[in-house]
Structures are given as structure tokens and as C-alpha cells.
């Protein structure tokens, strides 16, 4: 059994999403910085969008159910528009992700597990579940404040929308040279 690497970033000072490359060929990354250092996780665009959507839902539920103090809820979003720290050395490719709210610490917990062989389709946080596993998936754990979550979601929206424009007819992304539109019977638009 090889050792599982767990990157713990309690009270992360930076939790941001960014890209490298041109629209249509971009690679997406999440960078987390804390007293531990910086971790960089590669992920798909769809994973970044899904994480942002789920985090927005979590913030709405926390606010609706009054699970956080008014001071915490009222903090304005902290949008991190700085570029990713270079050189980018990816720690792993994101697989399964999970989020949670801790009412005692007033923090959002985020866990991102690396892609592993087909047997790991669920997030495994407890080390006891990995006793018989030969090559356990790596894990990133981060805790961040609600205003950092709001800022992450705003930046994620901006990053995703900075990609290729959608075709007004089929909604597929348009390359700089145009694209073969299925709604136009394969003619280039």
C-alpha cells in the first residue's frame, strides 16, 4: 500500500480558480494557499462550474436557515483577480468533490479527491476505509470563509464566460475560425 497524500489547508488565505491557455484549449486549475503552502489541482471546466453552483446553493441554505452569524453572512465577497502562482505544478487531477458547512467554526469545508481507478466513485475522507487499498487517491481539504466562497463563485463565472462565445443557433462554442453548426446542416458559421 502506498501512502495517501492529504493536503490540509485550514483557514486558507487563497482559494481561487484560473486557467492557462487560449479559449478552446484552456486548462482549469484551483489554487489553494494557506500556512501549509500552495496546492494546485487540475480540473475540468464542467467541474469548476459544478463546484461554483453547489457553493452558491450552500451559501443560500446557510443564509436561509440562519446557520451563520450576521457578521459572517454580511461580509462582502472577496474576489481574487490575481493570476495563478507560477510555475504551475499540478498536485493531482480532481475527481470527486464534496462541500460542507461547519456551524461551530463558521467555515465552508471543501474536499477534492484525485481521480483514481474506477472503484472510487465516492469521496473517501476516513482513512479506515482505505486499509485494503493498494493505491489510495490523494485528497485536498480546505476551509474557507463565506466571503471567500462568494468571491470564488464570482471569479469562476468570469473565467468560464471569458471562453469562446456560444453559437446563437446551436449554443456550441465558436472557434475563431467559426464552426460547423448542426442547426445549419453542417455549414460553417
Protein backbone atom coordinates (compact mmCIF):
# COMPACT_ATOMS: atom_id res chain seq x y z
CA UNK A 1 0.00 0.00 0.00
CA UNK A 2 1.34 3.41 -0.93
CA UNK A 3 0.70 6.39 1.29
CA UNK A 4 -2.15 8.74 0.58
CA UNK A 5 -1.16 12.38 0.36
CA UNK A 6 -3.57 14.73 2.13
CA UNK A 7 -3.17 18.47 1.59
CA UNK A 8 -4.76 20.22 4.61
CA UNK A 9 -5.41 23.93 4.16
CA UNK A 10 -7.27 25.08 7.27
CA UNK A 11 -8.30 28.74 7.05
CA UNK A 12 -6.96 29.07 3.51
CA UNK A 13 -5.91 32.60 2.62
CA UNK A 14 -6.47 31.95 -1.08
CA UNK A 15 -8.97 29.69 -2.84
CA UNK A 16 -9.22 30.60 -6.50
CA UNK A 17 -9.82 29.21 -9.95
CA UNK A 18 -7.82 30.14 -13.03
CA UNK A 19 -6.88 28.99 -16.50
CA UNK A 20 -3.84 28.59 -18.65
CA UNK A 21 -4.06 28.68 -22.44
CA UNK A 22 -6.22 30.16 -25.15
CA UNK A 23 -10.03 29.85 -25.22
CA UNK A 24 -10.93 26.43 -26.53
CA UNK A 25 -7.63 25.00 -25.32
CA UNK A 26 -7.62 26.20 -21.70
CA UNK A 27 -6.65 24.11 -18.73
CA UNK A 28 -8.52 24.88 -15.50
CA UNK A 29 -6.88 24.89 -12.06
CA UNK A 30 -7.84 25.56 -8.46
CA UNK A 31 -5.10 27.01 -6.29
CA UNK A 32 -5.33 26.92 -2.52
CA UNK A 33 -2.88 28.78 -0.28
CA UNK A 34 -2.56 28.60 3.49
CA UNK A 35 0.18 28.40 6.12
CA UNK A 36 0.93 24.93 4.67
CA UNK A 37 1.86 26.42 1.28
CA UNK A 38 0.16 26.31 -2.10
CA UNK A 39 -1.60 23.37 -3.73
CA UNK A 40 -2.70 23.31 -7.36
CA UNK A 41 -5.44 20.97 -8.54
CA UNK A 42 -6.27 20.47 -12.22
CA UNK A 43 -9.94 20.12 -13.07
CA UNK A 44 -12.34 20.21 -15.98
CA UNK A 45 -14.35 23.31 -16.84
CA UNK A 46 -17.57 21.45 -16.02
CA UNK A 47 -16.19 20.57 -12.57
CA UNK A 48 -15.40 24.23 -11.87
CA UNK A 49 -18.93 25.23 -12.91
CA UNK A 50 -20.50 22.46 -10.79
CA UNK A 51 -18.41 23.40 -7.73
CA UNK A 52 -19.40 27.06 -8.11
CA UNK A 53 -23.09 26.15 -8.42
CA UNK A 54 -23.02 23.90 -5.35
CA UNK A 55 -21.16 26.51 -3.32
CA UNK A 56 -23.79 29.13 -4.23
CA UNK A 57 -26.51 26.70 -3.10
CA UNK A 58 -24.66 26.15 0.17
CA UNK A 59 -24.39 29.89 0.84
CA UNK A 60 -28.12 30.29 0.10
CA UNK A 61 -29.01 27.49 2.53
CA UNK A 62 -26.72 28.85 5.23
CA UNK A 63 -28.30 32.29 4.88
CA UNK A 64 -31.88 30.98 4.60
CA UNK A 65 -31.57 28.74 7.66
CA UNK A 66 -29.59 31.34 9.65
CA UNK A 67 -26.74 28.89 10.25
CA UNK A 68 -24.09 31.62 10.27
CA UNK A 69 -23.71 34.80 12.27
CA UNK A 70 -24.94 38.01 10.68
CA UNK A 71 -21.37 39.32 10.71
CA UNK A 72 -20.17 36.35 8.66
CA UNK A 73 -23.08 36.46 6.21
CA UNK A 74 -22.78 40.22 5.73
CA UNK A 75 -19.12 40.22 4.69
CA UNK A 76 -18.70 41.37 1.07
CA UNK A 77 -17.28 38.94 -1.48
CA UNK A 78 -13.51 38.84 -1.71
CA UNK A 79 -12.78 38.33 -5.41
CA UNK A 80 -9.23 37.17 -6.07
CA UNK A 81 -8.42 38.50 -9.55
CA UNK A 82 -4.71 37.82 -9.28
CA UNK A 83 -3.27 35.34 -11.74
CA UNK A 84 -2.35 31.85 -10.66
CA UNK A 85 1.02 31.40 -8.99
CA UNK A 86 3.62 30.18 -11.47
CA UNK A 87 5.17 27.79 -12.15
CA UNK A 88 2.03 25.69 -12.06
CA UNK A 89 2.85 22.26 -10.72
CA UNK A 90 -0.36 20.27 -10.53
CA UNK A 91 -0.63 18.11 -7.43
CA UNK A 92 -3.35 15.95 -8.97
CA UNK A 93 -6.38 15.87 -11.30
CA UNK A 94 -9.69 16.46 -9.50
CA UNK A 95 -12.12 13.59 -9.32
CA UNK A 96 -14.80 13.54 -6.64
CA UNK A 97 -15.55 16.74 -4.70
CA UNK A 98 -17.51 17.45 -1.54
CA UNK A 99 -18.53 20.56 0.39
CA UNK A 100 -19.85 21.08 3.90
CA UNK A 101 -20.71 23.81 6.42
CA UNK A 102 -19.33 23.79 9.97
CA UNK A 103 -21.55 26.00 12.16
CA UNK A 104 -19.05 25.96 15.04
CA UNK A 105 -16.14 27.42 13.07
CA UNK A 106 -18.38 29.32 10.61
CA UNK A 107 -16.35 27.88 7.72
CA UNK A 108 -17.07 26.05 4.48
CA UNK A 109 -15.19 22.78 4.13
CA UNK A 110 -14.15 21.66 0.66
CA UNK A 111 -12.66 18.27 -0.14
CA UNK A 112 -11.32 17.36 -3.56
CA UNK A 113 -10.19 13.79 -4.18
CA UNK A 114 -7.90 12.84 -7.03
CA UNK A 115 -9.02 10.69 -9.93
CA UNK A 116 -8.34 7.07 -9.12
CA UNK A 117 -9.11 3.73 -10.67
CA UNK A 118 -12.82 3.02 -11.27
CA UNK A 119 -13.51 1.77 -7.73
CA UNK A 120 -13.53 5.27 -6.17
CA UNK A 121 -16.74 6.95 -7.22
CA UNK A 122 -17.37 8.39 -3.76
CA UNK A 123 -15.37 10.78 -1.61
CA UNK A 124 -13.35 8.88 0.98
CA UNK A 125 -12.42 11.10 3.91
CA UNK A 126 -11.95 8.45 6.58
CA UNK A 127 -8.60 6.69 6.50
CA UNK A 128 -10.11 3.45 7.88
CA UNK A 129 -11.92 2.91 4.58
CA UNK A 130 -8.55 2.74 2.80
CA UNK A 131 -6.97 -0.08 4.80
CA UNK A 132 -7.08 -2.60 1.95
CA UNK A 133 -6.49 -0.16 -0.91
CA UNK A 134 -3.23 -0.52 -2.78
CA UNK A 135 -3.03 2.98 -4.28
CA UNK A 136 -5.40 5.34 -2.41
CA UNK A 137 -6.43 8.62 -4.07
CA UNK A 138 -4.86 11.86 -2.84
CA UNK A 139 -7.08 14.40 -1.09
CA UNK A 140 -7.16 18.17 -0.66
CA UNK A 141 -9.03 19.61 2.32
CA UNK A 142 -9.62 23.33 2.67
CA UNK A 143 -11.68 25.51 4.97
CA UNK A 144 -12.66 28.98 3.80
CA UNK A 145 -14.96 31.81 4.87
CA UNK A 146 -18.29 32.64 3.24
CA UNK A 147 -16.93 35.81 1.65
CA UNK A 148 -14.16 33.75 0.01
CA UNK A 149 -16.81 31.36 -1.31
CA UNK A 150 -18.76 34.26 -2.82
CA UNK A 151 -15.58 35.62 -4.41
CA UNK A 152 -14.66 32.18 -5.79
CA UNK A 153 -18.09 31.87 -7.41
CA UNK A 154 -17.85 35.36 -8.96
CA UNK A 155 -14.39 34.64 -10.34
CA UNK A 156 -15.48 31.24 -11.64
CA UNK A 157 -18.34 32.89 -13.56
CA UNK A 158 -15.93 35.43 -15.06
CA UNK A 159 -13.37 32.77 -16.02
CA UNK A 160 -15.97 30.49 -17.63
CA UNK A 161 -17.60 33.38 -19.53
CA UNK A 162 -14.20 34.51 -20.85
CA UNK A 163 -14.05 31.43 -23.07
CA UNK A 164 -15.34 31.01 -26.59
CA UNK A 165 -18.65 32.66 -27.43
CA UNK A 166 -21.62 30.33 -27.92
CA UNK A 167 -23.27 29.99 -31.34
CA UNK A 168 -26.64 31.80 -31.30
CA UNK A 169 -28.22 28.89 -33.18
CA UNK A 170 -26.89 25.71 -31.52
CA UNK A 171 -25.17 27.07 -28.36
CA UNK A 172 -21.94 25.17 -29.14
CA UNK A 173 -18.73 27.19 -28.71
CA UNK A 174 -17.50 29.03 -31.78
CA UNK A 175 -13.81 28.75 -32.62
CA UNK A 176 -12.03 31.84 -34.03
CA UNK A 177 -12.31 30.24 -37.50
CA UNK A 178 -16.02 29.50 -37.00
CA UNK A 179 -17.62 26.12 -36.53
CA UNK A 180 -19.76 23.57 -38.31
CA UNK A 181 -23.20 24.34 -36.96
CA UNK A 182 -25.53 21.32 -36.68
CA UNK A 183 -28.53 23.65 -36.92
CA UNK A 184 -27.26 24.93 -40.28
CA UNK A 185 -26.93 21.44 -41.75
CA UNK A 186 -23.17 21.44 -41.31
CA UNK A 187 -22.48 24.80 -42.91
CA UNK A 188 -19.76 26.88 -41.32
CA UNK A 189 -20.96 29.83 -39.22
